[in-house]
């Protein structure tokens, strides 16, 4: 199953708790930009569409800044 992650950068405090729980290693801190809090927010780096939508990152996020979406499988 394919998934994707969106991050509400205004809520992200850059704690990076979500990064080590991603089984595919697809999350990282955005090194090139800052959010309104002055921290590097988390971003999804998934050029090969490897995200499974497992929701571990969203579960770990203390700010509820991460939303996970799964694509429906064709019948």
PDB file of N, CA and C in Angstrom:
ATOM      1  N   UNK A   1       0.845  -1.176   0.000  1.00  0.00           N
ATOM      2  CA  UNK A   1       0.000   0.000   0.000  1.00  0.00           C
ATOM      3  C   UNK A   1       0.892   1.242   0.000  1.00  0.00           C
ATOM      4  N   UNK A   2       0.537   2.205  -0.802  1.00  0.00           N
ATOM      5  CA  UNK A   2       1.307   3.438  -0.883  1.00  0.00           C
ATOM      6  C   UNK A   2       0.695   4.484   0.023  1.00  0.00           C
ATOM      7  N   UNK A   3       1.544   5.312   0.580  1.00  0.00           N
ATOM      8  CA  UNK A   3       1.090   6.386   1.442  1.00  0.00           C
ATOM      9  C   UNK A   3       1.870   7.641   1.171  1.00  0.00           C
ATOM     10  N   UNK A   4       1.442   8.703   1.821  1.00  0.00           N
ATOM     11  CA  UNK A   4       2.174   9.952   1.778  1.00  0.00           C
ATOM     12  C   UNK A   4       1.986  10.676   3.094  1.00  0.00           C
ATOM     13  N   UNK A   5       2.905  11.554   3.386  1.00  0.00           N
ATOM     14  CA  UNK A   5       2.917  12.295   4.639  1.00  0.00           C
ATOM     15  C   UNK A   5       2.886  13.782   4.326  1.00  0.00           C
ATOM     16  N   UNK A   6       2.063  14.512   5.058  1.00  0.00           N
ATOM     17  CA  UNK A   6       2.103  15.970   4.987  1.00  0.00           C
ATOM     18  C   UNK A   6       2.413  16.490   6.378  1.00  0.00           C
ATOM     19  N   UNK A   7       3.182  17.563   6.416  1.00  0.00           N
ATOM     20  CA  UNK A   7       3.576  18.163   7.684  1.00  0.00           C
ATOM     21  C   UNK A   7       3.040  19.588   7.732  1.00  0.00           C
ATOM     22  N   UNK A   8       2.310  19.905   8.781  1.00  0.00           N
ATOM     23  CA  UNK A   8       1.876  21.277   9.014  1.00  0.00           C
ATOM     24  C   UNK A   8       3.075  21.990   9.642  1.00  0.00           C
ATOM     25  N   UNK A   9       3.824  22.676   8.817  1.00  0.00           N
ATOM     26  CA  UNK A   9       5.080  23.276   9.266  1.00  0.00           C
ATOM     27  C   UNK A   9       4.879  24.325  10.345  1.00  0.00           C
ATOM     28  N   UNK A  10       3.697  24.921  10.426  1.00  0.00           N
ATOM     29  CA  UNK A  10       3.450  25.911  11.472  1.00  0.00           C
ATOM     30  C   UNK A  10       3.348  25.257  12.848  1.00  0.00           C
ATOM     31  N   UNK A  11       3.033  23.970  12.892  1.00  0.00           N
ATOM     32  CA  UNK A  11       2.950  23.237  14.160  1.00  0.00           C
ATOM     33  C   UNK A  11       4.244  22.516  14.520  1.00  0.00           C
ATOM     34  N   UNK A  12       5.047  22.176  13.525  1.00  0.00           N
ATOM     35  CA  UNK A  12       6.263  21.395  13.752  1.00  0.00           C
ATOM     36  C   UNK A  12       7.269  22.190  14.582  1.00  0.00           C
ATOM     37  N   UNK A  13       7.757  21.561  15.666  1.00  0.00           N
ATOM     38  CA  UNK A  13       8.766  22.220  16.498  1.00  0.00           C
ATOM     39  C   UNK A  13      10.168  21.665  16.266  1.00  0.00           C
ATOM     40  N   UNK A  14      10.316  20.841  15.239  1.00  0.00           N
ATOM     41  CA  UNK A  14      11.631  20.339  14.871  1.00  0.00           C
ATOM     42  C   UNK A  14      12.250  19.401  15.882  1.00  0.00           C
ATOM     43  N   UNK A  15      11.432  18.709  16.645  1.00  0.00           N
ATOM     44  CA  UNK A  15      11.955  17.814  17.681  1.00  0.00           C
ATOM     45  C   UNK A  15      12.594  16.562  17.087  1.00  0.00           C
ATOM     46  N   UNK A  16      12.201  16.213  15.863  1.00  0.00           N
ATOM     47  CA  UNK A  16      12.757  15.072  15.117  1.00  0.00           C
ATOM     48  C   UNK A  16      12.418  13.713  15.728  1.00  0.00           C
ATOM     49  N   UNK A  17      11.432  13.631  16.597  1.00  0.00           N
ATOM     50  CA  UNK A  17      11.042  12.336  17.165  1.00  0.00           C
ATOM     51  C   UNK A  17      10.481  11.390  16.105  1.00  0.00           C
ATOM     52  N   UNK A  18       9.936  11.952  15.052  1.00  0.00           N
ATOM     53  CA  UNK A  18       9.349  11.132  13.991  1.00  0.00           C
ATOM     54  C   UNK A  18      10.394  10.492  13.086  1.00  0.00           C
ATOM     55  N   UNK A  19      11.551  11.082  12.990  1.00  0.00           N
ATOM     56  CA  UNK A  19      12.556  10.631  12.026  1.00  0.00           C
ATOM     57  C   UNK A  19      13.029   9.197  12.293  1.00  0.00           C
ATOM     58  N   UNK A  20      13.427   8.840  13.511  1.00  0.00           N
ATOM     59  CA  UNK A  20      13.924   7.469  13.706  1.00  0.00           C
ATOM     60  C   UNK A  20      12.853   6.386  13.673  1.00  0.00           C
ATOM     61  N   UNK A  21      11.566   6.744  13.805  1.00  0.00           N
ATOM     62  CA  UNK A  21      10.529   5.710  13.792  1.00  0.00           C
ATOM     63  C   UNK A  21      10.067   5.351  12.383  1.00  0.00           C
ATOM     64  N   UNK A  22      10.464   6.116  11.380  1.00  0.00           N
ATOM     65  CA  UNK A  22      10.078   5.803  10.003  1.00  0.00           C
ATOM     66  C   UNK A  22      10.840   4.554   9.555  1.00  0.00           C
ATOM     67  N   UNK A  23      10.123   3.447   9.273  1.00  0.00           N
ATOM     68  CA  UNK A  23      10.826   2.211   8.903  1.00  0.00           C
ATOM     69  C   UNK A  23      11.559   2.302   7.572  1.00  0.00           C
ATOM     70  N   UNK A  24      11.190   3.260   6.741  1.00  0.00           N
ATOM     71  CA  UNK A  24      11.835   3.425   5.439  1.00  0.00           C
ATOM     72  C   UNK A  24      12.876   4.543   5.454  1.00  0.00           C
ATOM     73  N   UNK A  25      12.997   5.279   6.546  1.00  0.00           N
ATOM     74  CA  UNK A  25      13.968   6.363   6.641  1.00  0.00           C
ATOM     75  C   UNK A  25      13.672   7.514   5.684  1.00  0.00           C
ATOM     76  N   UNK A  26      12.406   7.873   5.550  1.00  0.00           N
ATOM     77  CA  UNK A  26      11.991   8.857   4.554  1.00  0.00           C
ATOM     78  C   UNK A  26      11.819  10.276   5.095  1.00  0.00           C
ATOM     79  N   UNK A  27      11.986  10.469   6.379  1.00  0.00           N
ATOM     80  CA  UNK A  27      11.812  11.794   6.964  1.00  0.00           C
ATOM     81  C   UNK A  27      13.152  12.409   7.323  1.00  0.00           C
ATOM     82  N   UNK A  28      13.217  13.733   7.206  1.00  0.00           N
ATOM     83  CA  UNK A  28      14.435  14.452   7.589  1.00  0.00           C
ATOM     84  C   UNK A  28      14.051  15.876   7.964  1.00  0.00           C
ATOM     85  N   UNK A  29      14.971  16.547   8.642  1.00  0.00           N
ATOM     86  CA  UNK A  29      14.772  17.968   8.922  1.00  0.00           C
ATOM     87  C   UNK A  29      15.122  18.751   7.667  1.00  0.00           C
ATOM     88  N   UNK A  30      14.297  19.721   7.339  1.00  0.00           N
ATOM     89  CA  UNK A  30      14.530  20.559   6.157  1.00  0.00           C
ATOM     90  C   UNK A  30      15.684  21.503   6.469  1.00  0.00           C
ATOM     91  N   UNK A  31      16.817  21.238   5.893  1.00  0.00           N
ATOM     92  CA  UNK A  31      18.007  22.026   6.185  1.00  0.00           C
ATOM     93  C   UNK A  31      18.027  23.385   5.513  1.00  0.00           C
ATOM     94  N   UNK A  32      17.216  23.578   4.488  1.00  0.00           N
ATOM     95  CA  UNK A  32      17.278  24.814   3.704  1.00  0.00           C
ATOM     96  C   UNK A  32      16.270  25.868   4.137  1.00  0.00           C
ATOM     97  N   UNK A  33      15.345  25.532   5.029  1.00  0.00           N
ATOM     98  CA  UNK A  33      14.340  26.527   5.410  1.00  0.00           C
ATOM     99  C   UNK A  33      13.957  26.397   6.878  1.00  0.00           C
ATOM    100  N   UNK A  34      13.356  27.463   7.379  1.00  0.00           N
ATOM    101  CA  UNK A  34      12.872  27.526   8.755  1.00  0.00           C
ATOM    102  C   UNK A  34      11.372  27.791   8.738  1.00  0.00           C
ATOM    103  N   UNK A  35      10.690  27.389   9.791  1.00  0.00           N
ATOM    104  CA  UNK A  35       9.276  27.734   9.906  1.00  0.00           C
ATOM    105  C   UNK A  35       9.144  28.986  10.784  1.00  0.00           C
ATOM    106  N   UNK A  36       7.922  29.366  11.113  1.00  0.00           N
ATOM    107  CA  UNK A  36       7.686  30.576  11.910  1.00  0.00           C
ATOM    108  C   UNK A  36       8.259  30.455  13.323  1.00  0.00           C
ATOM    109  N   UNK A  37       8.476  29.251  13.792  1.00  0.00           N
ATOM    110  CA  UNK A  37       9.071  29.040  15.122  1.00  0.00           C
ATOM    111  C   UNK A  37      10.594  29.190  15.094  1.00  0.00           C
ATOM    112  N   UNK A  38      11.142  29.294  13.894  1.00  0.00           N
ATOM    113  CA  UNK A  38      12.584  29.440  13.761  1.00  0.00           C
ATOM    114  C   UNK A  38      13.342  28.130  13.792  1.00  0.00           C
ATOM    115  N   UNK A  39      12.654  27.033  13.499  1.00  0.00           N
ATOM    116  CA  UNK A  39      13.298  25.720  13.490  1.00  0.00           C
ATOM    117  C   UNK A  39      13.146  25.091  12.109  1.00  0.00           C
ATOM    118  N   UNK A  40      13.989  24.136  11.825  1.00  0.00           N
ATOM    119  CA  UNK A  40      13.872  23.370  10.588  1.00  0.00           C
ATOM    120  C   UNK A  40      12.722  22.382  10.770  1.00  0.00           C
ATOM    121  N   UNK A  41      11.675  22.469   9.964  1.00  0.00           N
ATOM    122  CA  UNK A  41      10.585  21.498  10.084  1.00  0.00           C
ATOM    123  C   UNK A  41      10.958  20.169   9.434  1.00  0.00           C
ATOM    124  N   UNK A  42      10.202  19.165   9.751  1.00  0.00           N
ATOM    125  CA  UNK A  42      10.394  17.846   9.150  1.00  0.00           C
ATOM    126  C   UNK A  42       9.792  17.848   7.755  1.00  0.00           C
ATOM    127  N   UNK A  43      10.418  17.114   6.856  1.00  0.00           N
ATOM    128  CA  UNK A  43       9.871  16.961   5.512  1.00  0.00           C
ATOM    129  C   UNK A  43      10.006  15.515   5.071  1.00  0.00           C
ATOM    130  N   UNK A  44       9.140  15.133   4.149  1.00  0.00           N
ATOM    131  CA  UNK A  44       9.174  13.799   3.562  1.00  0.00           C
ATOM    132  C   UNK A  44      10.067  13.830   2.338  1.00  0.00           C
ATOM    133  N   UNK A  45      11.007  12.914   2.273  1.00  0.00           N
ATOM    134  CA  UNK A  45      11.873  12.763   1.107  1.00  0.00           C
ATOM    135  C   UNK A  45      11.614  11.356   0.570  1.00  0.00           C
ATOM    136  N   UNK A  46      10.735  11.282  -0.446  1.00  0.00           N
ATOM    137  CA  UNK A  46      10.277   9.986  -0.935  1.00  0.00           C
ATOM    138  C   UNK A  46      10.181   9.972  -2.460  1.00  0.00           C
ATOM    139  N   UNK A  47      11.310  10.123  -3.164  1.00  0.00           N
ATOM    140  CA  UNK A  47      11.254  10.168  -4.626  1.00  0.00           C
ATOM    141  C   UNK A  47      10.816   8.852  -5.274  1.00  0.00           C
ATOM    142  N   UNK A  48      11.001   7.746  -4.591  1.00  0.00           N
ATOM    143  CA  UNK A  48      10.637   6.444  -5.152  1.00  0.00           C
ATOM    144  C   UNK A  48       9.277   5.949  -4.654  1.00  0.00           C
ATOM    145  N   UNK A  49       8.526   6.811  -3.976  1.00  0.00           N
ATOM    146  CA  UNK A  49       7.198   6.455  -3.447  1.00  0.00           C
ATOM    147  C   UNK A  49       7.247   5.196  -2.580  1.00  0.00           C
ATOM    148  N   UNK A  50       8.132   5.189  -1.605  1.00  0.00           N
ATOM    149  CA  UNK A  50       8.296   4.039  -0.718  1.00  0.00           C
ATOM    150  C   UNK A  50       7.417   4.101   0.526  1.00  0.00           C
ATOM    151  N   UNK A  51       6.839   5.255   0.826  1.00  0.00           N
ATOM    152  CA  UNK A  51       6.027   5.406   2.034  1.00  0.00           C
ATOM    153  C   UNK A  51       4.864   4.424   1.989  1.00  0.00           C
ATOM    154  N   UNK A  52       4.668   3.701   3.085  1.00  0.00           N
ATOM    155  CA  UNK A  52       3.590   2.719   3.172  1.00  0.00           C
ATOM    156  C   UNK A  52       2.375   3.269   3.911  1.00  0.00           C
ATOM    157  N   UNK A  53       2.494   4.456   4.478  1.00  0.00           N
ATOM    158  CA  UNK A  53       1.389   5.028   5.239  1.00  0.00           C
ATOM    159  C   UNK A  53       1.202   4.352   6.575  1.00  0.00           C
ATOM    160  N   UNK A  54       2.272   3.905   7.191  1.00  0.00           N
ATOM    161  CA  UNK A  54       2.188   3.148   8.446  1.00  0.00           C
ATOM    162  C   UNK A  54       1.731   3.990   9.640  1.00  0.00           C
ATOM    163  N   UNK A  55       1.850   5.292   9.554  1.00  0.00           N
ATOM    164  CA  UNK A  55       1.403   6.247  10.563  1.00  0.00           C
ATOM    165  C   UNK A  55       2.252   6.292  11.833  1.00  0.00           C
ATOM    166  N   UNK A  56       3.401   5.645  11.827  1.00  0.00           N
ATOM    167  CA  UNK A  56       4.261   5.698  13.013  1.00  0.00           C
ATOM    168  C   UNK A  56       4.746   7.125  13.279  1.00  0.00           C
ATOM    169  N   UNK A  57       5.051   7.856  12.216  1.00  0.00           N
ATOM    170  CA  UNK A  57       5.530   9.232  12.381  1.00  0.00           C
ATOM    171  C   UNK A  57       4.449  10.110  13.002  1.00  0.00           C
ATOM    172  N   UNK A  58       3.217   9.973  12.545  1.00  0.00           N
ATOM    173  CA  UNK A  58       2.114  10.778  13.071  1.00  0.00           C
ATOM    174  C   UNK A  58       1.814  10.419  14.524  1.00  0.00           C
ATOM    175  N   UNK A  59       1.942   9.148  14.850  1.00  0.00           N
ATOM    176  CA  UNK A  59       1.718   8.702  16.226  1.00  0.00           C
ATOM    177  C   UNK A  59       2.768   9.279  17.160  1.00  0.00           C
ATOM    178  N   UNK A  60       3.991   9.388  16.697  1.00  0.00           N
ATOM    179  CA  UNK A  60       5.089   9.878  17.523  1.00  0.00           C
ATOM    180  C   UNK A  60       5.068  11.393  17.698  1.00  0.00           C
ATOM    181  N   UNK A  61       4.482  12.129  16.772  1.00  0.00           N
ATOM    182  CA  UNK A  61       4.542  13.596  16.780  1.00  0.00           C
ATOM    183  C   UNK A  61       3.760  14.187  17.958  1.00  0.00           C
ATOM    184  N   UNK A  62       4.445  14.884  18.881  1.00  0.00           N
ATOM    185  CA  UNK A  62       3.757  15.453  20.042  1.00  0.00           C
ATOM    186  C   UNK A  62       2.891  16.660  19.704  1.00  0.00           C
ATOM    187  N   UNK A  63       3.081  17.246  18.549  1.00  0.00           N
ATOM    188  CA  UNK A  63       2.324  18.430  18.152  1.00  0.00           C
ATOM    189  C   UNK A  63       1.190  18.117  17.176  1.00  0.00           C
ATOM    190  N   UNK A  64       1.019  16.860  16.806  1.00  0.00           N
ATOM    191  CA  UNK A  64       0.016  16.445  15.811  1.00  0.00           C
ATOM    192  C   UNK A  64       0.173  17.241  14.522  1.00  0.00           C
ATOM    193  N   UNK A  65       1.422  17.440  14.118  1.00  0.00           N
ATOM    194  CA  UNK A  65       1.729  18.212  12.914  1.00  0.00           C
ATOM    195  C   UNK A  65       1.789  17.350  11.664  1.00  0.00           C
ATOM    196  N   UNK A  66       1.724  16.030  11.830  1.00  0.00           N
ATOM    197  CA  UNK A  66       1.883  15.115  10.700  1.00  0.00           C
ATOM    198  C   UNK A  66       0.564  14.427  10.387  1.00  0.00           C
ATOM    199  N   UNK A  67       0.209  14.449   9.118  1.00  0.00           N
ATOM    200  CA  UNK A  67      -0.956  13.710   8.630  1.00  0.00           C
ATOM    201  C   UNK A  67      -0.468  12.670   7.628  1.00  0.00           C
ATOM    202  N   UNK A  68      -1.049  11.491   7.695  1.00  0.00           N
ATOM    203  CA  UNK A  68      -0.657  10.402   6.805  1.00  0.00           C
ATOM    204  C   UNK A  68      -1.869  10.002   5.981  1.00  0.00           C
ATOM    205  N   UNK A  69      -1.654   9.834   4.699  1.00  0.00           N
ATOM    206  CA  UNK A  69      -2.704   9.435   3.781  1.00  0.00           C
ATOM    207  C   UNK A  69      -2.287   8.165   3.054  1.00  0.00           C
ATOM    208  N   UNK A  70      -3.232   7.267   2.866  1.00  0.00           N
ATOM    209  CA  UNK A  70      -2.968   6.020   2.127  1.00  0.00           C
ATOM    210  C   UNK A  70      -3.797   6.002   0.855  1.00  0.00           C
ATOM    211  N   UNK A  71      -3.174   5.528  -0.208  1.00  0.00           N
ATOM    212  CA  UNK A  71      -3.890   5.370  -1.474  1.00  0.00           C
ATOM    213  C   UNK A  71      -4.718   4.099  -1.414  1.00  0.00           C
ATOM    214  N   UNK A  72      -5.920   4.160  -1.941  1.00  0.00           N
ATOM    215  CA  UNK A  72      -6.760   2.980  -1.971  1.00  0.00           C
ATOM    216  C   UNK A  72      -6.248   2.027  -3.033  1.00  0.00           C
ATOM    217  N   UNK A  73      -6.260   0.745  -2.709  1.00  0.00           N
ATOM    218  CA  UNK A  73      -5.816  -0.263  -3.661  1.00  0.00           C
ATOM    219  C   UNK A  73      -6.932  -0.560  -4.651  1.00  0.00           C
ATOM    220  N   UNK A  74      -6.565  -0.790  -5.891  1.00  0.00           N
ATOM    221  CA  UNK A  74      -7.553  -1.155  -6.901  1.00  0.00           C
ATOM    222  C   UNK A  74      -8.126  -2.527  -6.608  1.00  0.00           C
ATOM    223  N   UNK A  75      -9.388  -2.674  -6.827  1.00  0.00           N
ATOM    224  CA  UNK A  75     -10.059  -3.948  -6.513  1.00  0.00           C
ATOM    225  C   UNK A  75      -9.748  -5.006  -7.538  1.00  0.00           C
TER     226      UNK A  75
END
